[in-house]
């Protein structure tokens, strides 16, 4: 009798509710941070487009949501990589911060980020 080997990742499906909550949390953090940043802009440059704030308000929360998803995968599958949970959490926080920073750069490019 021949036994078929199953992939270990198939045994642990992605929990859509948990990953969605982490993505939502990351997006909310992104919205709050970029909103606080944009509220501080007094008089925008007249050379900027009329609706220049829409771009950062879309890109930064998206970057935060992707960072939340990375957090889910790092923490959920840390044992597959052979690292402790503490290392996975620290790494996911670093990746989240870097991703959020890149979201700020992409969102504010051409306006406040010159």
N, C-alpha and C. Protein backbone atom coordinates (compact mmCIF):
# COMPACT_ATOMS: atom_id res chain seq x y z
N UNK A 1 0.84 -1.17 0.00
CA UNK A 1 0.00 0.00 0.00
C UNK A 1 0.89 1.25 0.00
N UNK A 2 0.62 2.14 -0.90
CA UNK A 2 1.42 3.36 -1.05
C UNK A 2 0.75 4.51 -0.29
N UNK A 3 1.52 5.17 0.55
CA UNK A 3 0.98 6.29 1.32
C UNK A 3 1.35 7.60 0.63
N UNK A 4 0.41 8.49 0.57
CA UNK A 4 0.63 9.79 -0.04
C UNK A 4 0.99 10.77 1.07
N UNK A 5 2.09 11.49 0.87
CA UNK A 5 2.52 12.46 1.86
C UNK A 5 1.80 13.78 1.63
N UNK A 6 1.18 14.29 2.67
CA UNK A 6 0.48 15.57 2.55
C UNK A 6 1.41 16.70 2.94
N UNK A 7 1.22 17.82 2.29
CA UNK A 7 1.97 19.01 2.62
C UNK A 7 1.49 19.51 3.99
N UNK A 8 2.42 19.87 4.88
CA UNK A 8 2.05 20.30 6.23
C UNK A 8 1.25 21.59 6.23
N UNK A 9 1.47 22.44 5.25
CA UNK A 9 0.72 23.70 5.19
C UNK A 9 -0.75 23.43 4.90
N UNK A 10 -1.04 22.38 4.17
CA UNK A 10 -2.42 22.03 3.89
C UNK A 10 -3.15 21.62 5.16
N UNK A 11 -2.43 21.11 6.14
CA UNK A 11 -3.05 20.71 7.39
C UNK A 11 -3.43 21.91 8.25
N UNK A 12 -2.86 23.06 7.99
CA UNK A 12 -3.16 24.27 8.75
C UNK A 12 -3.67 25.35 7.81
N UNK A 13 -4.95 25.34 7.53
CA UNK A 13 -5.48 26.34 6.60
C UNK A 13 -5.43 27.74 7.21
N UNK A 14 -5.47 28.72 6.35
CA UNK A 14 -5.45 30.12 6.78
C UNK A 14 -6.81 30.44 7.39
N UNK A 15 -6.77 31.01 8.57
CA UNK A 15 -7.99 31.44 9.25
C UNK A 15 -8.35 32.82 8.72
N UNK A 16 -9.37 32.87 7.88
CA UNK A 16 -9.73 34.12 7.22
C UNK A 16 -10.19 35.19 8.21
N UNK A 17 -10.88 34.79 9.27
CA UNK A 17 -11.35 35.78 10.25
C UNK A 17 -10.17 36.40 10.99
N UNK A 18 -9.23 35.56 11.42
CA UNK A 18 -8.08 36.08 12.16
C UNK A 18 -7.19 36.95 11.28
N UNK A 19 -6.96 36.51 10.04
CA UNK A 19 -6.13 37.32 9.15
C UNK A 19 -6.84 38.61 8.78
N UNK A 20 -8.15 38.56 8.62
CA UNK A 20 -8.92 39.77 8.33
C UNK A 20 -8.88 40.78 9.48
N UNK A 21 -8.92 40.27 10.71
CA UNK A 21 -8.83 41.16 11.88
C UNK A 21 -7.47 41.84 11.94
N UNK A 22 -6.42 41.11 11.65
CA UNK A 22 -5.08 41.71 11.67
C UNK A 22 -4.94 42.73 10.54
N UNK A 23 -5.51 42.42 9.37
CA UNK A 23 -5.45 43.38 8.27
C UNK A 23 -6.24 44.64 8.61
N UNK A 24 -7.41 44.46 9.22
CA UNK A 24 -8.22 45.60 9.62
C UNK A 24 -7.50 46.45 10.66
N UNK A 25 -6.86 45.80 11.61
CA UNK A 25 -6.11 46.54 12.64
C UNK A 25 -4.97 47.33 12.00
N UNK A 26 -4.25 46.71 11.06
CA UNK A 26 -3.17 47.41 10.37
C UNK A 26 -3.67 48.59 9.56
N UNK A 27 -4.81 48.41 8.89
CA UNK A 27 -5.38 49.49 8.09
C UNK A 27 -5.85 50.64 8.98
N UNK A 28 -6.44 50.33 10.13
CA UNK A 28 -6.90 51.38 11.06
C UNK A 28 -5.70 52.15 11.59
N UNK A 29 -4.62 51.45 11.93
CA UNK A 29 -3.41 52.14 12.39
C UNK A 29 -2.90 53.08 11.29
N UNK A 30 -2.92 52.60 10.05
CA UNK A 30 -2.49 53.43 8.92
C UNK A 30 -3.36 54.66 8.74
N UNK A 31 -4.67 54.50 8.83
CA UNK A 31 -5.59 55.63 8.67
C UNK A 31 -5.38 56.66 9.77
N UNK A 32 -5.24 56.19 10.99
CA UNK A 32 -5.06 57.11 12.12
C UNK A 32 -3.77 57.90 11.96
N UNK A 33 -2.68 57.20 11.64
CA UNK A 33 -1.39 57.88 11.52
C UNK A 33 -1.36 58.88 10.37
N UNK A 34 -1.86 58.49 9.20
CA UNK A 34 -1.82 59.42 8.07
C UNK A 34 -2.80 60.57 8.29
N UNK A 35 -3.91 60.32 8.97
CA UNK A 35 -4.86 61.40 9.26
C UNK A 35 -4.25 62.42 10.20
N UNK A 36 -3.56 61.94 11.24
CA UNK A 36 -2.88 62.86 12.15
C UNK A 36 -1.82 63.67 11.41
N UNK A 37 -1.15 63.03 10.49
CA UNK A 37 -0.12 63.70 9.71
C UNK A 37 -0.72 64.75 8.78
N UNK A 38 -1.84 64.42 8.13
CA UNK A 38 -2.46 65.33 7.17
C UNK A 38 -3.18 66.49 7.85
N UNK A 39 -3.67 66.29 9.07
CA UNK A 39 -4.35 67.37 9.78
C UNK A 39 -3.37 68.50 10.07
N UNK A 40 -2.11 68.17 10.24
CA UNK A 40 -1.10 69.18 10.53
C UNK A 40 -0.71 70.04 9.35
N UNK A 41 -1.20 69.73 8.16
CA UNK A 41 -0.87 70.53 6.98
C UNK A 41 -1.76 71.77 6.99
N UNK A 42 -1.11 72.91 7.11
CA UNK A 42 -1.86 74.16 7.17
C UNK A 42 -2.43 74.54 5.82
N UNK A 43 -1.63 75.22 5.02
CA UNK A 43 -2.05 75.65 3.69
C UNK A 43 -1.24 74.85 2.67
N UNK A 44 -1.89 73.94 1.95
CA UNK A 44 -1.15 73.15 0.97
C UNK A 44 -0.66 74.01 -0.19
N UNK A 45 0.34 73.51 -0.84
CA UNK A 45 0.91 74.20 -2.00
C UNK A 45 -0.15 74.30 -3.09
N UNK A 46 -0.35 75.48 -3.68
CA UNK A 46 -1.37 75.63 -4.73
C UNK A 46 -1.04 74.81 -5.98
N UNK A 47 0.19 74.39 -6.14
CA UNK A 47 0.56 73.58 -7.30
C UNK A 47 0.11 72.13 -7.20
N UNK A 48 -0.30 71.70 -6.02
CA UNK A 48 -0.77 70.33 -5.85
C UNK A 48 -2.19 70.20 -6.37
N UNK A 49 -2.56 68.99 -6.70
CA UNK A 49 -3.93 68.76 -7.18
C UNK A 49 -4.94 69.09 -6.09
N UNK A 50 -6.18 69.28 -6.50
CA UNK A 50 -7.23 69.66 -5.56
C UNK A 50 -7.47 68.56 -4.51
N UNK A 51 -7.50 67.33 -4.93
CA UNK A 51 -7.78 66.21 -4.03
C UNK A 51 -6.52 65.42 -3.72
N UNK A 52 -5.45 66.10 -3.36
CA UNK A 52 -4.16 65.45 -3.14
C UNK A 52 -4.17 64.53 -1.93
N UNK A 53 -5.10 64.71 -1.01
CA UNK A 53 -5.11 63.89 0.20
C UNK A 53 -5.68 62.49 -0.01
N UNK A 54 -6.36 62.27 -1.13
CA UNK A 54 -6.95 60.95 -1.37
C UNK A 54 -5.88 59.88 -1.53
N UNK A 55 -4.83 60.19 -2.24
CA UNK A 55 -3.76 59.21 -2.48
C UNK A 55 -3.15 58.67 -1.19
N UNK A 56 -2.70 59.53 -0.27
CA UNK A 56 -2.15 58.96 0.97
C UNK A 56 -3.20 58.27 1.83
N UNK A 57 -4.45 58.72 1.77
CA UNK A 57 -5.51 58.08 2.56
C UNK A 57 -5.90 56.71 2.01
N UNK A 58 -5.47 56.37 0.81
CA UNK A 58 -5.71 55.03 0.25
C UNK A 58 -4.46 54.16 0.40
N UNK A 59 -3.31 54.70 0.07
CA UNK A 59 -2.09 53.89 0.03
C UNK A 59 -1.60 53.50 1.43
N UNK A 60 -1.63 54.41 2.38
CA UNK A 60 -1.10 54.10 3.71
C UNK A 60 -1.95 53.04 4.43
N UNK A 61 -3.27 53.12 4.42
CA UNK A 61 -4.04 52.02 5.04
C UNK A 61 -3.84 50.69 4.31
N UNK A 62 -3.67 50.73 3.01
CA UNK A 62 -3.40 49.49 2.27
C UNK A 62 -2.07 48.88 2.72
N UNK A 63 -1.06 49.72 2.89
CA UNK A 63 0.24 49.24 3.38
C UNK A 63 0.09 48.69 4.80
N UNK A 64 -0.72 49.33 5.62
CA UNK A 64 -0.97 48.83 6.97
C UNK A 64 -1.68 47.50 6.96
N UNK A 65 -2.62 47.32 6.04
CA UNK A 65 -3.34 46.04 5.93
C UNK A 65 -2.40 44.92 5.49
N UNK A 66 -1.51 45.21 4.57
CA UNK A 66 -0.53 44.20 4.14
C UNK A 66 0.42 43.88 5.29
N UNK A 67 0.79 44.89 6.07
CA UNK A 67 1.62 44.66 7.25
C UNK A 67 0.91 43.78 8.27
N UNK A 68 -0.38 43.98 8.46
CA UNK A 68 -1.18 43.13 9.34
C UNK A 68 -1.24 41.70 8.85
N UNK A 69 -1.34 41.52 7.55
CA UNK A 69 -1.34 40.18 6.98
C UNK A 69 0.01 39.50 7.18
N UNK A 70 1.09 40.26 7.00
CA UNK A 70 2.42 39.70 7.27
C UNK A 70 2.55 39.30 8.72
N UNK A 71 2.00 40.09 9.62
CA UNK A 71 2.01 39.76 11.03
C UNK A 71 1.30 38.44 11.28
N UNK A 72 0.16 38.26 10.66
CA UNK A 72 -0.58 37.01 10.82
C UNK A 72 0.26 35.82 10.38
N UNK A 73 0.87 35.91 9.20
CA UNK A 73 1.64 34.78 8.70
C UNK A 73 2.90 34.53 9.51
N UNK A 74 3.58 35.58 9.95
CA UNK A 74 4.78 35.39 10.76
C UNK A 74 4.46 34.70 12.07
N UNK A 75 3.41 35.16 12.74
CA UNK A 75 3.07 34.61 14.05
C UNK A 75 2.43 33.23 13.91
N UNK A 76 1.62 33.04 12.91
CA UNK A 76 0.92 31.76 12.74
C UNK A 76 1.87 30.63 12.34
N UNK A 77 2.83 30.93 11.47
CA UNK A 77 3.69 29.87 10.94
C UNK A 77 5.14 30.01 11.40
N UNK A 78 5.37 30.59 12.57
CA UNK A 78 6.74 30.78 13.05
C UNK A 78 7.44 29.46 13.32
N UNK A 79 6.69 28.46 13.75
CA UNK A 79 7.32 27.17 14.05
C UNK A 79 7.79 26.45 12.78
N UNK A 80 7.18 26.75 11.66
CA UNK A 80 7.62 26.16 10.38
C UNK A 80 9.02 26.65 10.00
N UNK A 81 9.31 27.90 10.35
CA UNK A 81 10.62 28.48 10.05
C UNK A 81 11.64 28.14 11.13
N UNK A 82 11.18 27.58 12.22
CA UNK A 82 12.08 27.20 13.29
C UNK A 82 12.52 28.34 14.18
N UNK A 83 11.68 29.37 14.31
CA UNK A 83 12.02 30.49 15.18
C UNK A 83 11.00 30.57 16.31
N UNK A 84 11.38 31.22 17.39
CA UNK A 84 10.46 31.36 18.52
C UNK A 84 9.39 32.39 18.18
N UNK A 85 8.33 32.34 18.96
CA UNK A 85 7.22 33.27 18.73
C UNK A 85 7.65 34.71 18.98
N UNK A 86 8.52 34.93 19.97
CA UNK A 86 8.98 36.29 20.27
C UNK A 86 9.74 36.88 19.08
N UNK A 87 10.59 36.08 18.46
CA UNK A 87 11.34 36.54 17.29
C UNK A 87 10.37 36.84 16.14
N UNK A 88 9.36 35.99 15.97
CA UNK A 88 8.38 36.21 14.90
C UNK A 88 7.60 37.49 15.13
N UNK A 89 7.23 37.78 16.38
CA UNK A 89 6.49 39.00 16.68
C UNK A 89 7.36 40.23 16.42
N UNK A 90 8.60 40.18 16.88
CA UNK A 90 9.51 41.32 16.66
C UNK A 90 9.75 41.53 15.17
N UNK A 91 9.97 40.46 14.43
CA UNK A 91 10.17 40.57 12.99
C UNK A 91 8.93 41.12 12.30
N UNK A 92 7.76 40.69 12.72
CA UNK A 92 6.53 41.18 12.09
C UNK A 92 6.31 42.66 12.40
N UNK A 93 6.69 43.10 13.58
CA UNK A 93 6.56 44.53 13.91
C UNK A 93 7.51 45.36 13.06
N UNK A 94 8.73 44.87 12.88
CA UNK A 94 9.70 45.58 12.04
C UNK A 94 9.20 45.66 10.59
N UNK A 95 8.69 44.55 10.08
CA UNK A 95 8.15 44.54 8.71
C UNK A 95 6.95 45.48 8.60
N UNK A 96 6.10 45.50 9.63
CA UNK A 96 4.94 46.40 9.62
C UNK A 96 5.37 47.86 9.58
N UNK A 97 6.35 48.22 10.41
CA UNK A 97 6.81 49.61 10.45
C UNK A 97 7.46 50.00 9.12
N UNK A 98 8.28 49.13 8.57
CA UNK A 98 8.90 49.42 7.28
C UNK A 98 7.86 49.56 6.17
N UNK A 99 6.88 48.67 6.17
CA UNK A 99 5.82 48.74 5.16
C UNK A 99 4.99 50.00 5.30
N UNK A 100 4.70 50.40 6.54
CA UNK A 100 3.94 51.62 6.76
C UNK A 100 4.74 52.84 6.33
N UNK A 101 6.04 52.83 6.62
CA UNK A 101 6.90 53.93 6.18
C UNK A 101 6.92 54.03 4.66
N UNK A 102 7.04 52.90 3.98
CA UNK A 102 7.00 52.91 2.51
C UNK A 102 5.65 53.40 2.00
N UNK A 103 4.58 53.05 2.70
CA UNK A 103 3.26 53.56 2.34
C UNK A 103 3.19 55.07 2.46
N UNK A 104 3.79 55.61 3.52
CA UNK A 104 3.86 57.06 3.67
C UNK A 104 4.64 57.69 2.52
N UNK A 105 5.76 57.09 2.17
CA UNK A 105 6.58 57.64 1.09
C UNK A 105 5.81 57.62 -0.23
N UNK A 106 5.19 56.50 -0.55
CA UNK A 106 4.43 56.41 -1.80
C UNK A 106 3.20 57.31 -1.80
N UNK A 107 2.53 57.41 -0.65
CA UNK A 107 1.34 58.22 -0.58
C UNK A 107 1.60 59.71 -0.64
N UNK A 108 2.71 60.14 -0.07
CA UNK A 108 3.01 61.57 -0.01
C UNK A 108 4.01 62.03 -1.06
N UNK A 109 4.43 61.14 -1.93
CA UNK A 109 5.39 61.48 -2.99
C UNK A 109 4.78 62.55 -3.90
N UNK A 110 5.53 63.59 -4.11
CA UNK A 110 5.09 64.66 -4.98
C UNK A 110 4.36 65.77 -4.26
N UNK A 111 4.01 65.54 -3.00
CA UNK A 111 3.36 66.60 -2.22
C UNK A 111 4.23 66.95 -1.02
N UNK A 112 4.01 66.29 0.09
CA UNK A 112 4.77 66.59 1.30
C UNK A 112 6.12 65.89 1.33
N UNK A 113 6.28 64.84 0.54
CA UNK A 113 7.52 64.06 0.56
C UNK A 113 8.35 64.40 -0.66
N UNK A 114 9.16 65.43 -0.56
CA UNK A 114 10.03 65.84 -1.67
C UNK A 114 11.45 65.81 -1.24
